[in-house]
Amino acid sequence: MTKETLNTRRLLCPLPVIRTQDKVKQLQPGDVLEVIGTDPGIMQDIPAWCRINGHKVLDTASGDHEYIIVFEVGG
């Protein structure tokens, strides 16, 4: 298992989701991806994308105008 971080700061919808999707293609099931962004929409968009694509959201956080979603890549 590896843990990766994806910086989507200053990107607006739908780019954070597109970049997340592209990054997940490089990962293996069980890997963990932390997405950090400044668009508050990612707090709804990325968990919804995870549900549709079989990934498990492990944590979400926000503060200081940044939003973080951590999820496990599904099979």
C-alpha atoms as a PDB file:
ATOM      1  CA  MET A   1       0.000   0.000   0.000  1.00  0.00           C
ATOM      2  CA  THR A   2       1.253   3.432  -0.872  1.00  0.00           C
ATOM      3  CA  LYS A   3      -0.058   6.826   0.143  1.00  0.00           C
ATOM      4  CA  GLU A   4      -0.030   9.588  -2.455  1.00  0.00           C
ATOM      5  CA  THR A   5      -0.993  13.247  -2.275  1.00  0.00           C
ATOM      6  CA  LEU A   6      -2.656  15.121  -5.131  1.00  0.00           C
ATOM      7  CA  ASN A   7      -2.520  18.910  -5.179  1.00  0.00           C
ATOM      8  CA  THR A   8      -5.618  20.402  -6.827  1.00  0.00           C
ATOM      9  CA  ARG A   9      -5.233  23.848  -5.265  1.00  0.00           C
ATOM     10  CA  ARG A  10      -6.514  26.734  -7.434  1.00  0.00           C
ATOM     11  CA  LEU A  11      -8.354  24.329  -9.763  1.00  0.00           C
ATOM     12  CA  LEU A  12     -12.114  24.679 -10.177  1.00  0.00           C
ATOM     13  CA  CYS A  13     -14.760  22.062 -10.899  1.00  0.00           C
ATOM     14  CA  PRO A  14     -14.558  19.762 -12.755  1.00  0.00           C
ATOM     15  CA  LEU A  15     -10.736  19.756 -12.856  1.00  0.00           C
ATOM     16  CA  PRO A  16     -10.134  18.402  -9.307  1.00  0.00           C
ATOM     17  CA  VAL A  17     -12.304  15.360 -10.067  1.00  0.00           C
ATOM     18  CA  ILE A  18     -10.649  14.845 -13.466  1.00  0.00           C
ATOM     19  CA  ARG A  19      -7.164  15.047 -11.926  1.00  0.00           C
ATOM     20  CA  THR A  20      -8.254  12.650  -9.157  1.00  0.00           C
ATOM     21  CA  GLN A  21      -9.581  10.191 -11.730  1.00  0.00           C
ATOM     22  CA  ASP A  22      -6.330  10.394 -13.729  1.00  0.00           C
ATOM     23  CA  LYS A  23      -4.219   9.828 -10.590  1.00  0.00           C
ATOM     24  CA  VAL A  24      -6.260   6.816  -9.463  1.00  0.00           C
ATOM     25  CA  LYS A  25      -5.491   5.118 -12.799  1.00  0.00           C
ATOM     26  CA  GLN A  26      -1.822   5.060 -11.683  1.00  0.00           C
ATOM     27  CA  LEU A  27      -2.616   3.480  -8.295  1.00  0.00           C
ATOM     28  CA  GLN A  28      -3.387  -0.042  -7.098  1.00  0.00           C
ATOM     29  CA  PRO A  29      -6.382  -1.256  -5.051  1.00  0.00           C
ATOM     30  CA  GLY A  30      -5.686  -0.561  -1.380  1.00  0.00           C
ATOM     31  CA  ASP A  31      -3.546   2.503  -2.071  1.00  0.00           C
ATOM     32  CA  VAL A  32      -4.545   5.713  -0.306  1.00  0.00           C
ATOM     33  CA  LEU A  33      -4.907   9.069  -2.040  1.00  0.00           C
ATOM     34  CA  GLU A  34      -5.099  12.411  -0.254  1.00  0.00           C
ATOM     35  CA  VAL A  35      -6.599  15.169  -2.412  1.00  0.00           C
ATOM     36  CA  ILE A  36      -5.962  18.750  -1.297  1.00  0.00           C
ATOM     37  CA  GLY A  37      -7.857  21.580  -2.953  1.00  0.00           C
ATOM     38  CA  THR A  38      -9.157  25.091  -2.553  1.00  0.00           C
ATOM     39  CA  ASP A  39     -12.510  24.577  -4.324  1.00  0.00           C
ATOM     40  CA  PRO A  40     -15.130  23.812  -1.626  1.00  0.00           C
ATOM     41  CA  GLY A  41     -17.082  21.808  -4.213  1.00  0.00           C
ATOM     42  CA  ILE A  42     -14.614  18.934  -3.868  1.00  0.00           C
ATOM     43  CA  MET A  43     -16.127  18.154  -0.462  1.00  0.00           C
ATOM     44  CA  GLN A  44     -19.233  16.869  -2.272  1.00  0.00           C
ATOM     45  CA  ASP A  45     -17.861  16.022  -5.724  1.00  0.00           C
ATOM     46  CA  ILE A  46     -14.998  13.704  -4.806  1.00  0.00           C
ATOM     47  CA  PRO A  47     -16.900  11.618  -2.208  1.00  0.00           C
ATOM     48  CA  ALA A  48     -19.730  11.223  -4.756  1.00  0.00           C
ATOM     49  CA  TRP A  49     -17.201  10.175  -7.396  1.00  0.00           C
ATOM     50  CA  CYS A  50     -15.714   7.689  -4.883  1.00  0.00           C
ATOM     51  CA  ARG A  51     -19.126   6.117  -4.209  1.00  0.00           C
ATOM     52  CA  ILE A  52     -19.824   5.713  -7.922  1.00  0.00           C
ATOM     53  CA  ASN A  53     -16.401   4.183  -8.594  1.00  0.00           C
ATOM     54  CA  GLY A  54     -16.095   1.894  -5.565  1.00  0.00           C
ATOM     55  CA  HIS A  55     -13.527   3.815  -3.527  1.00  0.00           C
ATOM     56  CA  LYS A  56     -13.767   4.232   0.257  1.00  0.00           C
ATOM     57  CA  VAL A  57     -13.574   7.720   1.792  1.00  0.00           C
ATOM     58  CA  LEU A  58     -11.435   7.496   4.938  1.00  0.00           C
ATOM     59  CA  ASP A  59     -11.375  11.114   6.078  1.00  0.00           C
ATOM     60  CA  THR A  60     -12.379  14.644   5.151  1.00  0.00           C
ATOM     61  CA  ALA A  61     -11.132  17.884   6.642  1.00  0.00           C
ATOM     62  CA  SER A  62     -11.270  21.586   5.958  1.00  0.00           C
ATOM     63  CA  GLY A  63      -9.616  24.675   7.294  1.00  0.00           C
ATOM     64  CA  ASP A  64      -7.595  27.688   6.243  1.00  0.00           C
ATOM     65  CA  HIS A  65      -9.396  27.782   2.866  1.00  0.00           C
ATOM     66  CA  GLU A  66      -8.237  24.254   2.017  1.00  0.00           C
ATOM     67  CA  TYR A  67     -10.241  21.063   1.713  1.00  0.00           C
ATOM     68  CA  ILE A  68      -8.836  17.556   2.093  1.00  0.00           C
ATOM     69  CA  ILE A  69     -10.328  14.216   1.166  1.00  0.00           C
ATOM     70  CA  VAL A  70      -8.502  10.962   1.904  1.00  0.00           C
ATOM     71  CA  PHE A  71      -9.725   7.755   0.301  1.00  0.00           C
ATOM     72  CA  GLU A  72      -8.721   4.179  -0.337  1.00  0.00           C
ATOM     73  CA  VAL A  73      -8.639   3.021  -3.934  1.00  0.00           C
ATOM     74  CA  GLY A  74     -11.106   0.221  -4.521  1.00  0.00           C
ATOM     75  CA  GLY A  75     -10.756  -2.815  -6.739  1.00  0.00           C
END
